[in-house]
Amino acid sequence: MSEQIEGIDFALAAYREEGEWQVVELAHDVLADVPSLCSALRRFPGDGGAIGMVAIDEDFFVVVRVAGPSVRILLSDVTAAEEWELARSAVAELGLPEPEDEDEQAPAGDLDLLGDLGMAAMDMGVLLDDFDLYPDEMLSDVARRLGFGPLFDEAAGLTSA
């Protein structure tokens, strides 16, 4: 049962193996919800776990970081849960209420989930506040700050600047 999920711009896993970043594409059938994504990320041999980066419909992104039993989640826009199952699953995993129609676009989850890798919560917050950027541009910036920008851009089909 390989369900094609509509609207996925890209879904990538990044992990460090022997100190070197690896970036691989994730199969879309693991993107139905956060638990499925976490299960897929646990298969990677990364030194400090694995990071899943999923951009959907040029609208929002989800970053999930899995290290052993630990799962940390960042959803770029909580209002995406009104339309998208992956976002709804992220909101549920975070223990947040479903967004209401009048809710403002705002991130949800752990802004510091990549802090130890070089993307502090404050920097992530500033990036998420830039409404002129598309999710792929935001995630490309995150990847660059973490040290795997060119690998990310190539895997996501973005042209490197």
N, C-alpha and C. Protein backbone atom coordinates (compact mmCIF):
# COMPACT_ATOMS: atom_id res chain seq x y z
N MET A 1 0.84 -1.19 0.00
CA MET A 1 0.00 0.00 0.00
C MET A 1 0.88 1.25 0.00
N SER A 2 1.20 1.74 -1.15
CA SER A 2 2.03 2.93 -1.28
C SER A 2 1.15 4.09 -1.71
N GLU A 3 0.61 4.76 -0.73
CA GLU A 3 -0.32 5.87 -0.99
C GLU A 3 0.48 7.10 -1.40
N GLN A 4 0.10 7.71 -2.50
CA GLN A 4 0.73 8.94 -2.93
C GLN A 4 0.07 10.10 -2.19
N ILE A 5 0.83 10.85 -1.48
CA ILE A 5 0.28 11.97 -0.73
C ILE A 5 0.43 13.23 -1.56
N GLU A 6 -0.68 13.90 -1.76
CA GLU A 6 -0.71 15.10 -2.60
C GLU A 6 0.03 16.26 -1.92
N GLY A 7 0.60 17.11 -2.74
CA GLY A 7 1.12 18.37 -2.25
C GLY A 7 2.52 18.35 -1.68
N ILE A 8 3.17 17.19 -1.64
CA ILE A 8 4.52 17.12 -1.06
C ILE A 8 5.51 17.77 -2.02
N ASP A 9 6.18 18.82 -1.56
CA ASP A 9 7.22 19.44 -2.37
C ASP A 9 8.49 18.59 -2.30
N PHE A 10 8.85 18.19 -1.11
CA PHE A 10 9.94 17.24 -0.90
C PHE A 10 9.90 16.72 0.52
N ALA A 11 10.52 15.58 0.72
CA ALA A 11 10.63 14.97 2.04
C ALA A 11 12.02 14.35 2.13
N LEU A 12 12.83 14.89 3.03
CA LEU A 12 14.22 14.46 3.12
C LEU A 12 14.57 14.09 4.55
N ALA A 13 15.50 13.17 4.67
CA ALA A 13 16.09 12.84 5.97
C ALA A 13 17.54 13.26 5.93
N ALA A 14 18.01 13.85 7.01
CA ALA A 14 19.41 14.25 7.14
C ALA A 14 19.94 13.63 8.42
N TYR A 15 21.14 13.09 8.33
CA TYR A 15 21.77 12.50 9.51
C TYR A 15 23.27 12.51 9.32
N ARG A 16 23.98 12.43 10.44
CA ARG A 16 25.45 12.42 10.39
C ARG A 16 25.94 11.00 10.61
N GLU A 17 26.79 10.58 9.70
CA GLU A 17 27.39 9.26 9.81
C GLU A 17 28.90 9.46 9.78
N GLU A 18 29.56 9.07 10.87
CA GLU A 18 31.01 9.26 11.01
C GLU A 18 31.38 10.72 10.76
N GLY A 19 30.56 11.63 11.28
CA GLY A 19 30.85 13.06 11.21
C GLY A 19 30.46 13.74 9.91
N GLU A 20 29.99 12.98 8.92
CA GLU A 20 29.63 13.55 7.62
C GLU A 20 28.11 13.55 7.47
N TRP A 21 27.57 14.68 6.99
CA TRP A 21 26.13 14.75 6.75
C TRP A 21 25.74 13.88 5.56
N GLN A 22 24.63 13.20 5.69
CA GLN A 22 24.01 12.43 4.61
C GLN A 22 22.59 12.98 4.44
N VAL A 23 22.15 13.13 3.21
CA VAL A 23 20.78 13.59 2.94
C VAL A 23 20.17 12.63 1.93
N VAL A 24 19.02 12.06 2.30
CA VAL A 24 18.35 11.11 1.42
C VAL A 24 16.86 11.47 1.33
N GLU A 25 16.28 11.11 0.20
CA GLU A 25 14.85 11.35 0.01
C GLU A 25 14.06 10.29 0.77
N LEU A 26 12.95 10.72 1.36
CA LEU A 26 12.05 9.81 2.05
C LEU A 26 10.92 9.40 1.13
N ALA A 27 10.52 8.14 1.20
CA ALA A 27 9.38 7.67 0.43
C ALA A 27 8.12 8.37 0.94
N HIS A 28 7.25 8.74 0.04
CA HIS A 28 6.06 9.48 0.43
C HIS A 28 5.10 8.65 1.27
N ASP A 29 5.20 7.32 1.22
CA ASP A 29 4.26 6.51 2.01
C ASP A 29 4.57 6.55 3.51
N VAL A 30 5.69 7.14 3.92
CA VAL A 30 5.98 7.29 5.35
C VAL A 30 5.54 8.64 5.88
N LEU A 31 4.86 9.42 5.04
CA LEU A 31 4.50 10.80 5.41
C LEU A 31 3.04 10.96 5.79
N ALA A 32 2.35 9.85 6.01
CA ALA A 32 0.93 9.94 6.35
C ALA A 32 0.72 10.66 7.67
N ASP A 33 1.62 10.41 8.63
CA ASP A 33 1.51 11.04 9.94
C ASP A 33 2.88 11.05 10.62
N VAL A 34 2.96 11.73 11.74
CA VAL A 34 4.23 11.87 12.44
C VAL A 34 4.77 10.52 12.94
N PRO A 35 3.95 9.65 13.53
CA PRO A 35 4.50 8.35 13.95
C PRO A 35 5.12 7.54 12.80
N SER A 36 4.51 7.57 11.61
CA SER A 36 5.08 6.87 10.45
C SER A 36 6.41 7.51 10.04
N LEU A 37 6.46 8.83 10.07
CA LEU A 37 7.69 9.54 9.74
C LEU A 37 8.79 9.20 10.75
N CYS A 38 8.45 9.19 12.03
CA CYS A 38 9.42 8.85 13.07
C CYS A 38 9.96 7.44 12.88
N SER A 39 9.08 6.52 12.57
CA SER A 39 9.48 5.13 12.35
C SER A 39 10.49 5.05 11.20
N ALA A 40 10.24 5.78 10.13
CA ALA A 40 11.15 5.80 8.99
C ALA A 40 12.50 6.41 9.37
N LEU A 41 12.47 7.49 10.16
CA LEU A 41 13.71 8.18 10.54
C LEU A 41 14.57 7.31 11.45
N ARG A 42 13.94 6.47 12.25
CA ARG A 42 14.71 5.60 13.16
C ARG A 42 15.54 4.57 12.42
N ARG A 43 15.27 4.36 11.15
CA ARG A 43 16.03 3.38 10.36
C ARG A 43 17.41 3.90 9.95
N PHE A 44 17.61 5.20 10.07
CA PHE A 44 18.89 5.77 9.65
C PHE A 44 19.92 5.65 10.78
N PRO A 45 21.17 5.40 10.41
CA PRO A 45 22.20 5.09 11.41
C PRO A 45 22.87 6.31 12.03
N GLY A 46 22.27 7.46 11.96
CA GLY A 46 22.93 8.70 12.35
C GLY A 46 23.52 8.69 13.75
N ASP A 47 24.67 9.39 13.89
CA ASP A 47 25.36 9.51 15.17
C ASP A 47 24.46 10.14 16.23
N GLY A 48 23.69 11.15 15.86
CA GLY A 48 22.84 11.83 16.82
C GLY A 48 21.37 11.76 16.43
N GLY A 49 20.96 10.66 15.83
CA GLY A 49 19.58 10.54 15.37
C GLY A 49 19.46 11.08 13.95
N ALA A 50 18.23 11.29 13.53
CA ALA A 50 17.97 11.75 12.17
C ALA A 50 16.95 12.89 12.20
N ILE A 51 17.04 13.74 11.17
CA ILE A 51 16.15 14.88 11.04
C ILE A 51 15.32 14.68 9.77
N GLY A 52 14.00 14.73 9.90
CA GLY A 52 13.12 14.68 8.75
C GLY A 52 12.66 16.09 8.42
N MET A 53 12.74 16.46 7.15
CA MET A 53 12.34 17.79 6.69
C MET A 53 11.35 17.61 5.54
N VAL A 54 10.11 18.03 5.78
CA VAL A 54 9.06 17.84 4.79
C VAL A 54 8.43 19.19 4.48
N ALA A 55 8.40 19.54 3.19
CA ALA A 55 7.73 20.78 2.75
C ALA A 55 6.50 20.39 1.95
N ILE A 56 5.38 21.05 2.23
CA ILE A 56 4.11 20.70 1.59
C ILE A 56 3.46 21.91 0.96
N ASP A 57 3.12 21.73 -0.33
CA ASP A 57 2.28 22.67 -1.08
C ASP A 57 2.81 24.11 -1.06
N GLU A 58 4.12 24.27 -0.98
CA GLU A 58 4.72 25.61 -0.89
C GLU A 58 4.06 26.45 0.20
N ASP A 59 3.54 25.77 1.25
CA ASP A 59 2.74 26.43 2.25
C ASP A 59 3.34 26.32 3.65
N PHE A 60 3.82 25.15 4.02
CA PHE A 60 4.34 24.95 5.37
C PHE A 60 5.35 23.81 5.36
N PHE A 61 6.04 23.66 6.49
CA PHE A 61 6.94 22.52 6.63
C PHE A 61 6.83 21.91 8.01
N VAL A 62 7.29 20.68 8.08
CA VAL A 62 7.40 19.95 9.34
C VAL A 62 8.84 19.47 9.45
N VAL A 63 9.44 19.70 10.61
CA VAL A 63 10.76 19.14 10.90
C VAL A 63 10.56 18.23 12.10
N VAL A 64 11.02 17.00 11.96
CA VAL A 64 10.95 16.03 13.05
C VAL A 64 12.36 15.54 13.30
N ARG A 65 12.76 15.55 14.56
CA ARG A 65 14.09 15.03 14.93
C ARG A 65 13.90 13.85 15.86
N VAL A 66 14.46 12.73 15.46
CA VAL A 66 14.34 11.49 16.22
C VAL A 66 15.73 11.07 16.66
N ALA A 67 15.88 10.81 17.95
CA ALA A 67 17.14 10.27 18.49
C ALA A 67 16.73 9.26 19.57
N GLY A 68 16.84 7.99 19.25
CA GLY A 68 16.38 6.96 20.18
C GLY A 68 14.90 7.15 20.43
N PRO A 69 14.49 7.13 21.70
CA PRO A 69 13.07 7.29 22.00
C PRO A 69 12.60 8.75 21.93
N SER A 70 13.53 9.68 21.83
CA SER A 70 13.21 11.10 21.83
C SER A 70 12.69 11.55 20.46
N VAL A 71 11.56 12.27 20.47
CA VAL A 71 11.00 12.84 19.25
C VAL A 71 10.74 14.32 19.51
N ARG A 72 11.28 15.16 18.62
CA ARG A 72 11.05 16.60 18.72
C ARG A 72 10.45 17.06 17.40
N ILE A 73 9.46 17.93 17.49
CA ILE A 73 8.67 18.31 16.31
C ILE A 73 8.58 19.83 16.21
N LEU A 74 8.68 20.32 14.96
CA LEU A 74 8.43 21.73 14.67
C LEU A 74 7.53 21.80 13.44
N LEU A 75 6.41 22.46 13.60
CA LEU A 75 5.47 22.70 12.50
C LEU A 75 5.52 24.20 12.22
N SER A 76 5.79 24.57 10.98
CA SER A 76 5.99 25.99 10.67
C SER A 76 4.70 26.80 10.76
N ASP A 77 3.55 26.16 10.58
CA ASP A 77 2.29 26.90 10.60
C ASP A 77 1.19 26.01 11.16
N VAL A 78 0.75 26.33 12.36
CA VAL A 78 -0.26 25.52 13.03
C VAL A 78 -1.58 25.48 12.26
N THR A 79 -1.88 26.51 11.48
CA THR A 79 -3.15 26.53 10.75
C THR A 79 -3.17 25.50 9.61
N ALA A 80 -2.02 24.97 9.23
CA ALA A 80 -1.97 23.93 8.19
C ALA A 80 -2.71 22.67 8.63
N ALA A 81 -2.89 22.50 9.94
CA ALA A 81 -3.59 21.33 10.48
C ALA A 81 -5.06 21.30 10.06
N GLU A 82 -5.59 22.42 9.62
CA GLU A 82 -6.97 22.45 9.16
C GLU A 82 -7.14 21.68 7.85
N GLU A 83 -6.06 21.64 7.04
CA GLU A 83 -6.14 21.05 5.70
C GLU A 83 -5.33 19.78 5.51
N TRP A 84 -4.23 19.63 6.24
CA TRP A 84 -3.25 18.59 5.93
C TRP A 84 -3.10 17.60 7.08
N GLU A 85 -3.17 16.31 6.75
CA GLU A 85 -3.09 15.26 7.76
C GLU A 85 -1.75 15.26 8.50
N LEU A 86 -0.64 15.46 7.79
CA LEU A 86 0.66 15.46 8.47
C LEU A 86 0.72 16.58 9.51
N ALA A 87 0.22 17.75 9.16
CA ALA A 87 0.19 18.88 10.11
C ALA A 87 -0.75 18.58 11.27
N ARG A 88 -1.90 17.98 10.98
CA ARG A 88 -2.85 17.60 12.03
C ARG A 88 -2.20 16.61 13.00
N SER A 89 -1.45 15.66 12.44
CA SER A 89 -0.76 14.67 13.25
C SER A 89 0.31 15.34 14.13
N ALA A 90 1.03 16.33 13.56
CA ALA A 90 2.05 17.05 14.33
C ALA A 90 1.40 17.78 15.51
N VAL A 91 0.28 18.44 15.26
CA VAL A 91 -0.45 19.16 16.32
C VAL A 91 -0.88 18.18 17.40
N ALA A 92 -1.39 17.02 16.99
CA ALA A 92 -1.83 15.99 17.95
C ALA A 92 -0.65 15.47 18.77
N GLU A 93 0.48 15.19 18.10
CA GLU A 93 1.67 14.68 18.80
C GLU A 93 2.21 15.71 19.79
N LEU A 94 2.04 16.98 19.47
CA LEU A 94 2.49 18.06 20.35
C LEU A 94 1.52 18.30 21.50
N GLY A 95 0.35 17.64 21.43
CA GLY A 95 -0.64 17.80 22.48
C GLY A 95 -1.35 19.14 22.45
N LEU A 96 -1.43 19.74 21.27
CA LEU A 96 -2.06 21.05 21.11
C LEU A 96 -3.50 20.89 20.64
N PRO A 97 -4.35 21.88 20.93
CA PRO A 97 -5.72 21.83 20.41
C PRO A 97 -5.72 22.04 18.90
N GLU A 98 -6.73 21.48 18.25
CA GLU A 98 -6.89 21.73 16.80
C GLU A 98 -7.03 23.23 16.58
N PRO A 99 -6.42 23.78 15.52
CA PRO A 99 -6.55 25.21 15.28
C PRO A 99 -7.99 25.58 14.90
N GLU A 100 -8.35 26.80 15.23
CA GLU A 100 -9.67 27.34 14.88
C GLU A 100 -9.51 28.18 13.61
N ASP A 101 -10.61 28.44 12.93
CA ASP A 101 -10.57 29.23 11.70
C ASP A 101 -9.93 30.61 11.90
N GLU A 102 -10.16 31.18 13.08
CA GLU A 102 -9.65 32.54 13.31
C GLU A 102 -8.21 32.56 13.82
N ASP A 103 -7.61 31.40 14.02
CA ASP A 103 -6.22 31.35 14.50
C ASP A 103 -5.27 31.98 13.49
N GLU A 104 -4.26 32.65 14.02
CA GLU A 104 -3.22 33.26 13.19
C GLU A 104 -2.20 32.21 12.78
N GLN A 105 -1.56 32.45 11.65
CA GLN A 105 -0.45 31.59 11.23
C GLN A 105 0.66 31.74 12.26
N ALA A 106 1.08 30.62 12.84
CA ALA A 106 2.14 30.65 13.85
C ALA A 106 2.78 29.28 13.92
N PRO A 107 4.08 29.25 14.25
CA PRO A 107 4.74 27.94 14.40
C PRO A 107 4.26 27.24 15.67
N ALA A 108 4.44 25.93 15.69
CA ALA A 108 4.10 25.13 16.86
C ALA A 108 5.21 24.11 17.08
N GLY A 109 5.49 23.84 18.33
CA GLY A 109 6.48 22.82 18.63
C GLY A 109 7.77 23.39 19.16
N ASP A 110 8.84 22.68 18.91
CA ASP A 110 10.14 22.93 19.52
C ASP A 110 11.03 23.77 18.61
N LEU A 111 11.06 25.08 18.85
CA LEU A 111 11.90 25.96 18.04
C LEU A 111 13.39 25.66 18.22
N ASP A 112 13.74 25.00 19.31
CA ASP A 112 15.15 24.74 19.60
C ASP A 112 15.56 23.30 19.24
N LEU A 113 14.76 22.59 18.43
CA LEU A 113 15.07 21.20 18.16
C LEU A 113 16.38 21.01 17.41
N LEU A 114 16.92 22.06 16.80
CA LEU A 114 18.20 21.97 16.10
C LEU A 114 19.25 22.87 16.75
N GLY A 115 18.97 23.35 17.96
CA GLY A 115 19.87 24.28 18.65
C GLY A 115 21.27 23.75 18.83
N ASP A 116 21.40 22.48 19.20
CA ASP A 116 22.73 21.90 19.44
C ASP A 116 23.51 21.69 18.14
N LEU A 117 22.82 21.80 16.99
CA LEU A 117 23.48 21.61 15.69
C LEU A 117 23.81 22.93 15.01
N GLY A 118 23.40 24.06 15.61
CA GLY A 118 23.77 25.36 15.06
C GLY A 118 22.61 26.26 14.65
N MET A 119 21.37 25.82 14.93
CA MET A 119 20.21 26.67 14.59
C MET A 119 19.44 26.93 15.88
N ALA A 120 19.81 28.01 16.57
CA ALA A 120 19.21 28.35 17.86
C ALA A 120 17.73 28.71 17.70
N ALA A 121 16.98 28.57 18.78
CA ALA A 121 15.54 28.85 18.77
C ALA A 121 15.25 30.27 18.29
N MET A 122 16.04 31.24 18.71
CA MET A 122 15.80 32.62 18.30
C MET A 122 15.97 32.77 16.79
N ASP A 123 17.01 32.15 16.24
CA ASP A 123 17.23 32.21 14.79
C ASP A 123 16.10 31.53 14.04
N MET A 124 15.63 30.40 14.56
CA MET A 124 14.51 29.69 13.93
C MET A 124 13.25 30.57 13.96
N GLY A 125 13.03 31.23 15.09
CA GLY A 125 11.88 32.12 15.21
C GLY A 125 11.92 33.26 14.22
N VAL A 126 13.09 33.86 14.06
CA VAL A 126 13.25 34.96 13.10
C VAL A 126 12.98 34.45 11.68
N LEU A 127 13.51 33.28 11.36
CA LEU A 127 13.29 32.69 10.04
C LEU A 127 11.80 32.43 9.79
N LEU A 128 11.12 31.86 10.77
CA LEU A 128 9.70 31.55 10.63
C LEU A 128 8.83 32.80 10.54
N ASP A 129 9.32 33.92 11.05
CA ASP A 129 8.57 35.18 10.98
C ASP A 129 8.68 35.85 9.62
N ASP A 130 9.54 35.34 8.74
CA ASP A 130 9.73 35.93 7.41
C ASP A 130 8.70 35.34 6.45
N PHE A 131 7.55 36.00 6.35
CA PHE A 131 6.44 35.48 5.55
C PHE A 131 6.71 35.58 4.05
N ASP A 132 7.80 36.24 3.65
CA ASP A 132 8.14 36.32 2.23
C ASP A 132 8.84 35.06 1.73
N LEU A 133 9.32 34.22 2.65
CA LEU A 133 10.05 33.02 2.25
C LEU A 133 9.11 31.83 2.11
N TYR A 134 9.38 30.99 1.12
CA TYR A 134 8.67 29.73 0.97
C TYR A 134 9.31 28.69 1.88
N PRO A 135 8.58 27.62 2.20
CA PRO A 135 9.14 26.57 3.06
C PRO A 135 10.46 26.00 2.55
N ASP A 136 10.59 25.81 1.23
CA ASP A 136 11.84 25.26 0.71
C ASP A 136 13.01 26.22 0.96
N GLU A 137 12.74 27.52 0.87
CA GLU A 137 13.79 28.50 1.12
C GLU A 137 14.19 28.50 2.61
N MET A 138 13.18 28.39 3.47
CA MET A 138 13.46 28.34 4.91
C MET A 138 14.28 27.10 5.27
N LEU A 139 13.87 25.95 4.76
CA LEU A 139 14.57 24.72 5.08
C LEU A 139 15.97 24.69 4.46
N SER A 140 16.12 25.31 3.29
CA SER A 140 17.45 25.42 2.69
C SER A 140 18.36 26.25 3.58
N ASP A 141 17.82 27.34 4.15
CA ASP A 141 18.60 28.17 5.07
C ASP A 141 18.98 27.37 6.32
N VAL A 142 18.03 26.60 6.85
CA VAL A 142 18.32 25.75 8.02
C VAL A 142 19.44 24.78 7.68
N ALA A 143 19.32 24.11 6.54
CA ALA A 143 20.33 23.12 6.13
C ALA A 143 21.70 23.78 5.98
N ARG A 144 21.73 24.97 5.42
CA ARG A 144 23.00 25.68 5.25
C ARG A 144 23.63 25.97 6.62
N ARG A 145 22.81 26.42 7.57
CA ARG A 145 23.32 26.73 8.91
C ARG A 145 23.82 25.47 9.63
N LEU A 146 23.20 24.33 9.34
CA LEU A 146 23.61 23.09 9.99
C LEU A 146 24.82 22.45 9.31
N GLY A 147 25.12 22.91 8.09
CA GLY A 147 26.31 22.43 7.42
C GLY A 147 26.07 21.46 6.27
N PHE A 148 24.82 21.32 5.82
CA PHE A 148 24.57 20.44 4.68
C PHE A 148 23.72 21.11 3.60
N GLY A 149 23.90 22.42 3.45
CA GLY A 149 23.12 23.18 2.47
C GLY A 149 23.19 22.65 1.05
N PRO A 150 24.39 22.46 0.48
CA PRO A 150 24.47 21.96 -0.90
C PRO A 150 23.84 20.57 -1.07
N LEU A 151 24.04 19.68 -0.12
CA LEU A 151 23.42 18.35 -0.18
C LEU A 151 21.90 18.47 -0.15
N PHE A 152 21.40 19.33 0.73
CA PHE A 152 19.96 19.55 0.84
C PHE A 152 19.40 20.11 -0.46
N ASP A 153 20.03 21.17 -0.98
CA ASP A 153 19.53 21.82 -2.19
C ASP A 153 19.49 20.85 -3.37
N GLU A 154 20.52 20.02 -3.47
CA GLU A 154 20.56 19.03 -4.55
C GLU A 154 19.43 18.01 -4.38
N ALA A 155 19.26 17.48 -3.18
CA ALA A 155 18.24 16.46 -2.93
C ALA A 155 16.82 17.03 -3.07
N ALA A 156 16.65 18.30 -2.71
CA ALA A 156 15.33 18.93 -2.80
C ALA A 156 15.02 19.47 -4.19
N GLY A 157 16.02 19.42 -5.08
CA GLY A 157 15.82 19.92 -6.43
C GLY A 157 15.88 21.42 -6.51
N LEU A 158 16.55 22.05 -5.56
CA LEU A 158 16.71 23.51 -5.57
C LEU A 158 18.06 23.83 -6.19
N THR A 159 18.15 24.96 -6.83
CA THR A 159 19.43 25.36 -7.38
C THR A 159 20.21 26.10 -6.32
N SER A 160 21.47 25.76 -6.19
CA SER A 160 22.32 26.43 -5.20
C SER A 160 22.67 27.83 -5.68
N ALA A 161 22.63 28.76 -4.75
CA ALA A 161 22.96 30.15 -5.09
C ALA A 161 24.46 30.32 -5.12
